[in-house]
């Protein structure tokens, strides 16, 4: 099979913990968080173009100039002094504004796959530096490893937390990260913790109460999850999750969700599905 026939995953992530511990002089917030991947993913196919054009599936409510897959392709073209192009087809499965990292993951998959499609041979560190220009979450998707993150989310320490099963709920609302970080009620001075603290059970998201107060749908989803396990917010989005020791238990809970809620079950993954698929790919990349 040719690489251009494949839909490559742009996987979701969960923030297993999130703490806002300060603020830089430029206004960016300093964080501590833990990233882990999910099997749930957007799917992206890349068709090689020789004319240098970048064309992409239109996404509802997203202008092309804001589409991170397009921006990633253009950035890679410019950095790699590349005159090749691509048709990018996105099959969107992850909710926008959900805190699952869909846009950042789209950007990362675009950078990683087009780097191979265009035979630019940039290393992972170079791609991560490019990705950081598009968003603080993009580098972890490029590296494809579960990580403890600090700074604005770009300082990564790779480690291997447990990989339970998750039930993820997607409330019918869009949470704006910018609005949450601008809210005067946001806790910006949470005490910094260590990986050992996290492993011992300190897994709070210091944005959770604020998001739930601003968006009753999120609060309701957290309340519903609490009858099965501790519900937690991922990132500063709308999605909430709870962990289960087995797929069967997670799916039993999913079968009971109210009719007006949406959700899915996924294993936690310390290796990105994108990188797993790339490692197993034995087909041909188009010649330039």
Protein backbone atom coordinates (compact mmCIF):
# COMPACT_ATOMS: atom_id res chain seq x y z
CA UNK A 1 0.00 0.00 0.00
CA UNK A 2 1.18 3.52 -0.81
CA UNK A 3 1.50 6.13 1.94
CA UNK A 4 -0.84 8.42 0.02
CA UNK A 5 -3.64 5.82 0.30
CA UNK A 6 -3.52 5.76 4.10
CA UNK A 7 -5.54 7.78 6.58
CA UNK A 8 -3.04 8.62 9.33
CA UNK A 9 -4.30 9.12 12.89
CA UNK A 10 -4.19 12.49 14.60
CA UNK A 11 -4.94 11.14 18.08
CA UNK A 12 -6.65 12.75 21.02
CA UNK A 13 -4.81 13.44 24.25
CA UNK A 14 -5.91 13.73 27.83
CA UNK A 15 -4.44 16.05 30.43
CA UNK A 16 -4.32 13.66 33.37
CA UNK A 17 -3.50 16.59 35.63
CA UNK A 18 -3.29 20.35 35.04
CA UNK A 19 -2.03 23.06 37.36
CA UNK A 20 -1.59 26.75 36.59
CA UNK A 21 1.36 27.71 38.77
CA UNK A 22 2.23 31.19 37.56
CA UNK A 23 2.41 33.65 34.72
CA UNK A 24 5.25 34.91 32.53
CA UNK A 25 5.92 38.58 31.91
CA UNK A 26 4.43 38.22 28.41
CA UNK A 27 1.12 37.01 29.87
CA UNK A 28 1.48 33.32 29.05
CA UNK A 29 0.54 31.02 31.91
CA UNK A 30 3.02 28.59 33.44
CA UNK A 31 1.66 25.07 33.73
CA UNK A 32 2.31 21.62 34.99
CA UNK A 33 0.46 18.84 33.20
CA UNK A 34 0.60 15.20 32.15
CA UNK A 35 -0.18 14.19 28.58
CA UNK A 36 -1.38 10.75 27.57
CA UNK A 37 -2.78 9.67 24.20
CA UNK A 38 -6.04 7.97 23.25
CA UNK A 39 -6.91 5.61 20.41
CA UNK A 40 -9.71 8.01 19.34
CA UNK A 41 -8.40 10.19 16.53
CA UNK A 42 -9.08 12.43 13.57
CA UNK A 43 -7.98 10.72 10.35
CA UNK A 44 -5.88 12.54 7.74
CA UNK A 45 -4.82 11.52 4.24
CA UNK A 46 -2.09 13.32 2.29
CA UNK A 47 -1.89 13.24 -1.49
CA UNK A 48 1.37 14.47 -2.99
CA UNK A 49 1.22 17.50 -5.31
CA UNK A 50 4.08 18.68 -7.49
CA UNK A 51 2.71 22.19 -8.05
CA UNK A 52 3.35 23.47 -4.54
CA UNK A 53 -0.31 24.06 -3.66
CA UNK A 54 -1.68 23.19 -0.22
CA UNK A 55 -5.35 22.27 -0.32
CA UNK A 56 -7.33 20.96 2.62
CA UNK A 57 -10.78 19.78 3.61
CA UNK A 58 -12.88 22.66 4.91
CA UNK A 59 -13.73 22.29 8.59
CA UNK A 60 -17.05 23.68 9.89
CA UNK A 61 -16.53 27.05 11.56
CA UNK A 62 -12.78 27.14 10.82
CA UNK A 63 -11.31 29.52 8.25
CA UNK A 64 -8.47 28.13 6.14
CA UNK A 65 -6.17 30.75 7.68
CA UNK A 66 -6.93 29.25 11.10
CA UNK A 67 -6.74 25.59 10.08
CA UNK A 68 -3.68 24.23 11.88
CA UNK A 69 -3.11 21.49 9.30
CA UNK A 70 -2.82 24.10 6.54
CA UNK A 71 -0.64 26.35 8.69
CA UNK A 72 1.62 23.39 9.55
CA UNK A 73 2.03 22.44 5.88
CA UNK A 74 2.87 26.01 4.89
CA UNK A 75 5.33 26.37 7.77
CA UNK A 76 7.08 23.14 6.79
CA UNK A 77 7.24 24.25 3.15
CA UNK A 78 8.86 27.52 4.14
CA UNK A 79 11.30 26.03 6.65
CA UNK A 80 12.30 23.17 4.36
CA UNK A 81 12.55 25.43 1.27
CA UNK A 82 10.22 22.95 -0.36
CA UNK A 83 8.37 23.50 -3.66
CA UNK A 84 6.13 20.44 -3.25
CA UNK A 85 2.51 20.56 -2.16
CA UNK A 86 -0.26 18.35 -0.83
CA UNK A 87 -3.97 17.67 -0.82
CA UNK A 88 -4.99 17.18 2.83
CA UNK A 89 -8.20 15.30 3.57
CA UNK A 90 -9.37 15.43 7.19
CA UNK A 91 -12.05 13.16 8.58
CA UNK A 92 -12.93 14.98 11.78
CA UNK A 93 -13.92 12.81 14.75
CA UNK A 94 -12.65 14.78 17.74
CA UNK A 95 -14.88 17.59 19.07
CA UNK A 96 -13.63 21.14 18.66
CA UNK A 97 -13.10 23.02 21.91
CA UNK A 98 -13.16 19.75 23.80
CA UNK A 99 -9.67 19.86 25.31
CA UNK A 100 -8.61 16.73 23.42
CA UNK A 101 -5.99 18.56 21.34
CA UNK A 102 -7.57 17.93 17.93
CA UNK A 103 -6.17 20.98 16.16
CA UNK A 104 -2.69 20.54 17.64
CA UNK A 105 -2.75 16.86 16.76
CA UNK A 106 -3.78 17.68 13.18
CA UNK A 107 -0.81 20.03 12.95
CA UNK A 108 1.60 17.44 14.36
CA UNK A 109 0.43 14.65 12.06
CA UNK A 110 0.75 17.04 9.12
CA UNK A 111 4.33 17.95 10.04
CA UNK A 112 5.38 14.36 10.69
CA UNK A 113 3.81 12.81 7.58
CA UNK A 114 4.65 15.60 5.12
CA UNK A 115 8.24 15.56 6.35
CA UNK A 116 8.36 11.99 5.02
CA UNK A 117 6.16 12.57 1.97
CA UNK A 118 8.33 15.48 0.85
CA UNK A 119 11.54 13.69 1.91
CA UNK A 120 12.78 16.66 3.93
CA UNK A 121 14.47 14.43 6.54
CA UNK A 122 14.04 16.87 9.41
CA UNK A 123 14.60 15.26 12.78
CA UNK A 124 12.03 15.09 15.56
CA UNK A 125 13.58 17.98 17.51
CA UNK A 126 13.37 20.28 14.47
CA UNK A 127 9.75 19.32 13.85
CA UNK A 128 8.92 19.94 17.51
CA UNK A 129 10.45 23.42 17.36
CA UNK A 130 8.37 24.18 14.28
CA UNK A 131 5.28 22.78 15.95
CA UNK A 132 5.71 24.99 19.00
CA UNK A 133 5.14 28.00 16.72
CA UNK A 134 1.63 26.64 16.09
CA UNK A 135 0.71 25.73 19.66
CA UNK A 136 2.15 24.59 22.98
CA UNK A 137 0.56 21.13 22.67
CA UNK A 138 1.96 20.35 19.22
CA UNK A 139 5.44 19.14 20.33
CA UNK A 140 4.11 16.29 22.50
CA UNK A 141 2.13 14.96 19.53
CA UNK A 142 5.27 15.16 17.35
CA UNK A 143 7.35 13.21 19.89
CA UNK A 144 4.48 10.78 20.38
CA UNK A 145 5.31 9.81 23.96
CA UNK A 146 3.36 10.32 27.18
CA UNK A 147 4.96 13.18 29.07
CA UNK A 148 5.13 15.37 32.12
CA UNK A 149 5.09 18.94 30.80
CA UNK A 150 6.01 22.33 32.25
CA UNK A 151 6.56 25.87 30.99
CA UNK A 152 3.62 26.67 28.70
CA UNK A 153 3.41 22.95 28.04
CA UNK A 154 6.49 22.64 25.83
CA UNK A 155 9.09 21.42 28.37
CA UNK A 156 8.63 17.67 28.21
CA UNK A 157 9.87 14.84 30.40
CA UNK A 158 8.82 11.50 28.97
CA UNK A 159 7.61 8.83 31.36
CA UNK A 160 5.16 5.93 31.46
CA UNK A 161 2.09 6.43 33.63
CA UNK A 162 -0.39 3.55 33.95
CA UNK A 163 -2.56 2.88 30.90
CA UNK A 164 -6.13 2.34 32.17
CA UNK A 165 -9.33 2.49 30.14
CA UNK A 166 -11.11 5.83 29.94
CA UNK A 167 -14.68 6.86 29.42
CA UNK A 168 -14.65 10.32 27.83
CA UNK A 169 -17.78 12.48 27.68
CA UNK A 170 -18.17 15.38 25.25
CA UNK A 171 -20.73 17.92 26.57
CA UNK A 172 -22.58 19.93 23.94
CA UNK A 173 -20.64 23.16 24.44
CA UNK A 174 -17.47 24.85 23.22
CA UNK A 175 -15.03 26.06 25.87
CA UNK A 176 -12.67 28.85 24.83
CA UNK A 177 -9.20 28.39 26.28
CA UNK A 178 -8.53 32.11 25.85
CA UNK A 179 -11.61 33.02 27.87
CA UNK A 180 -10.70 30.62 30.67
CA UNK A 181 -7.15 31.96 30.92
CA UNK A 182 -8.46 35.56 30.94
CA UNK A 183 -11.06 34.93 33.66
CA UNK A 184 -10.31 36.76 36.91
CA UNK A 185 -11.51 33.69 38.85
CA UNK A 186 -8.78 31.43 37.42
CA UNK A 187 -6.38 30.04 40.01
CA UNK A 188 -2.95 31.14 38.82
CA UNK A 189 -0.83 30.31 41.85
CA UNK A 190 -1.36 26.60 42.42
CA UNK A 191 1.49 24.93 44.27
CA UNK A 192 3.93 23.13 42.00
CA UNK A 193 4.10 19.37 42.43
CA UNK A 194 6.37 16.56 41.28
CA UNK A 195 5.88 13.41 39.20
CA UNK A 196 6.00 11.48 42.48
CA UNK A 197 3.13 13.62 43.81
CA UNK A 198 1.14 12.93 40.66
CA UNK A 199 1.80 9.20 40.91
CA UNK A 200 0.64 9.32 44.53
CA UNK A 201 -2.72 10.70 43.46
CA UNK A 202 -2.43 14.49 43.06
CA UNK A 203 -4.26 14.71 39.75
CA UNK A 204 -6.46 17.78 40.05
CA UNK A 205 -7.13 20.19 37.20
CA UNK A 206 -7.09 23.68 38.72
CA UNK A 207 -9.29 24.95 35.86
CA UNK A 208 -12.05 22.41 36.46
CA UNK A 209 -14.23 24.34 38.91
CA UNK A 210 -14.08 27.49 36.79
CA UNK A 211 -14.99 25.65 33.57
CA UNK A 212 -17.84 23.77 35.28
CA UNK A 213 -19.21 27.02 36.73
CA UNK A 214 -19.10 28.78 33.35
CA UNK A 215 -20.54 25.81 31.47
CA UNK A 216 -23.30 23.91 33.32
CA UNK A 217 -23.13 21.11 30.74
CA UNK A 218 -19.59 20.32 31.93
CA UNK A 219 -20.67 20.34 35.56
CA UNK A 220 -23.53 17.97 34.77
CA UNK A 221 -21.23 15.55 32.93
CA UNK A 222 -18.79 15.55 35.85
CA UNK A 223 -21.63 14.89 38.26
CA UNK A 224 -22.92 11.99 36.15
CA UNK A 225 -19.45 10.42 35.93
CA UNK A 226 -19.00 10.60 39.70
CA UNK A 227 -21.41 7.69 40.24
CA UNK A 228 -18.81 5.42 38.58
CA UNK A 229 -15.41 7.01 39.26
CA UNK A 230 -13.78 10.39 39.80
CA UNK A 231 -14.62 12.71 36.90
CA UNK A 232 -11.87 15.02 35.68
CA UNK A 233 -11.63 17.78 33.09
CA UNK A 234 -9.05 17.48 30.32
CA UNK A 235 -7.14 20.67 29.55
CA UNK A 236 -9.35 23.74 29.42
CA UNK A 237 -11.89 22.19 27.08
CA UNK A 238 -15.35 20.75 27.55
CA UNK A 239 -14.51 17.05 27.65
CA UNK A 240 -14.42 15.16 30.94
CA UNK A 241 -13.20 11.66 31.67
CA UNK A 242 -12.99 8.93 34.26
CA UNK A 243 -10.66 5.94 34.39
CA UNK A 244 -11.62 2.28 34.72
CA UNK A 245 -9.52 -0.85 35.26
CA UNK A 246 -11.04 -2.65 32.26
CA UNK A 247 -12.64 -2.00 28.90
CA UNK A 248 -15.75 -3.89 29.99
CA UNK A 249 -16.33 -1.63 33.00
CA UNK A 250 -15.82 1.52 30.94
CA UNK A 251 -18.24 0.33 28.27
CA UNK A 252 -20.84 -0.67 30.86
CA UNK A 253 -20.80 2.92 32.10
CA UNK A 254 -20.94 4.25 28.53
CA UNK A 255 -24.07 2.18 27.89
CA UNK A 256 -25.83 4.09 30.66
CA UNK A 257 -25.12 7.66 29.52
CA UNK A 258 -28.16 9.94 29.14
CA UNK A 259 -29.53 10.29 25.61
CA UNK A 260 -28.38 13.92 25.34
CA UNK A 261 -24.73 13.11 26.12
CA UNK A 262 -22.04 11.77 23.79
CA UNK A 263 -19.02 9.75 24.76
CA UNK A 264 -16.52 7.07 23.83
CA UNK A 265 -14.25 4.51 25.46
CA UNK A 266 -10.52 4.33 24.77
CA UNK A 267 -7.41 2.87 26.33
CA UNK A 268 -4.80 5.29 27.61
CA UNK A 269 -1.71 5.03 25.40
CA UNK A 270 1.84 6.04 26.27
CA UNK A 271 2.78 5.77 22.59
CA UNK A 272 0.92 7.79 19.97
CA UNK A 273 -1.11 5.73 17.47
CA UNK A 274 0.46 7.84 14.71
CA UNK A 275 3.97 6.71 15.62
CA UNK A 276 2.86 3.12 16.06
CA UNK A 277 1.36 3.17 12.56
CA UNK A 278 4.45 4.80 11.05
CA UNK A 279 6.72 2.19 12.66
CA UNK A 280 4.62 -0.63 11.20
CA UNK A 281 4.24 0.93 7.74
CA UNK A 282 6.05 -1.09 5.06
CA UNK A 283 4.58 0.55 1.95
CA UNK A 284 6.06 3.12 -0.41
CA UNK A 285 6.37 6.87 -0.08
CA UNK A 286 5.91 8.71 -3.41
CA UNK A 287 9.05 9.77 -5.21
CA UNK A 288 9.56 13.50 -5.36
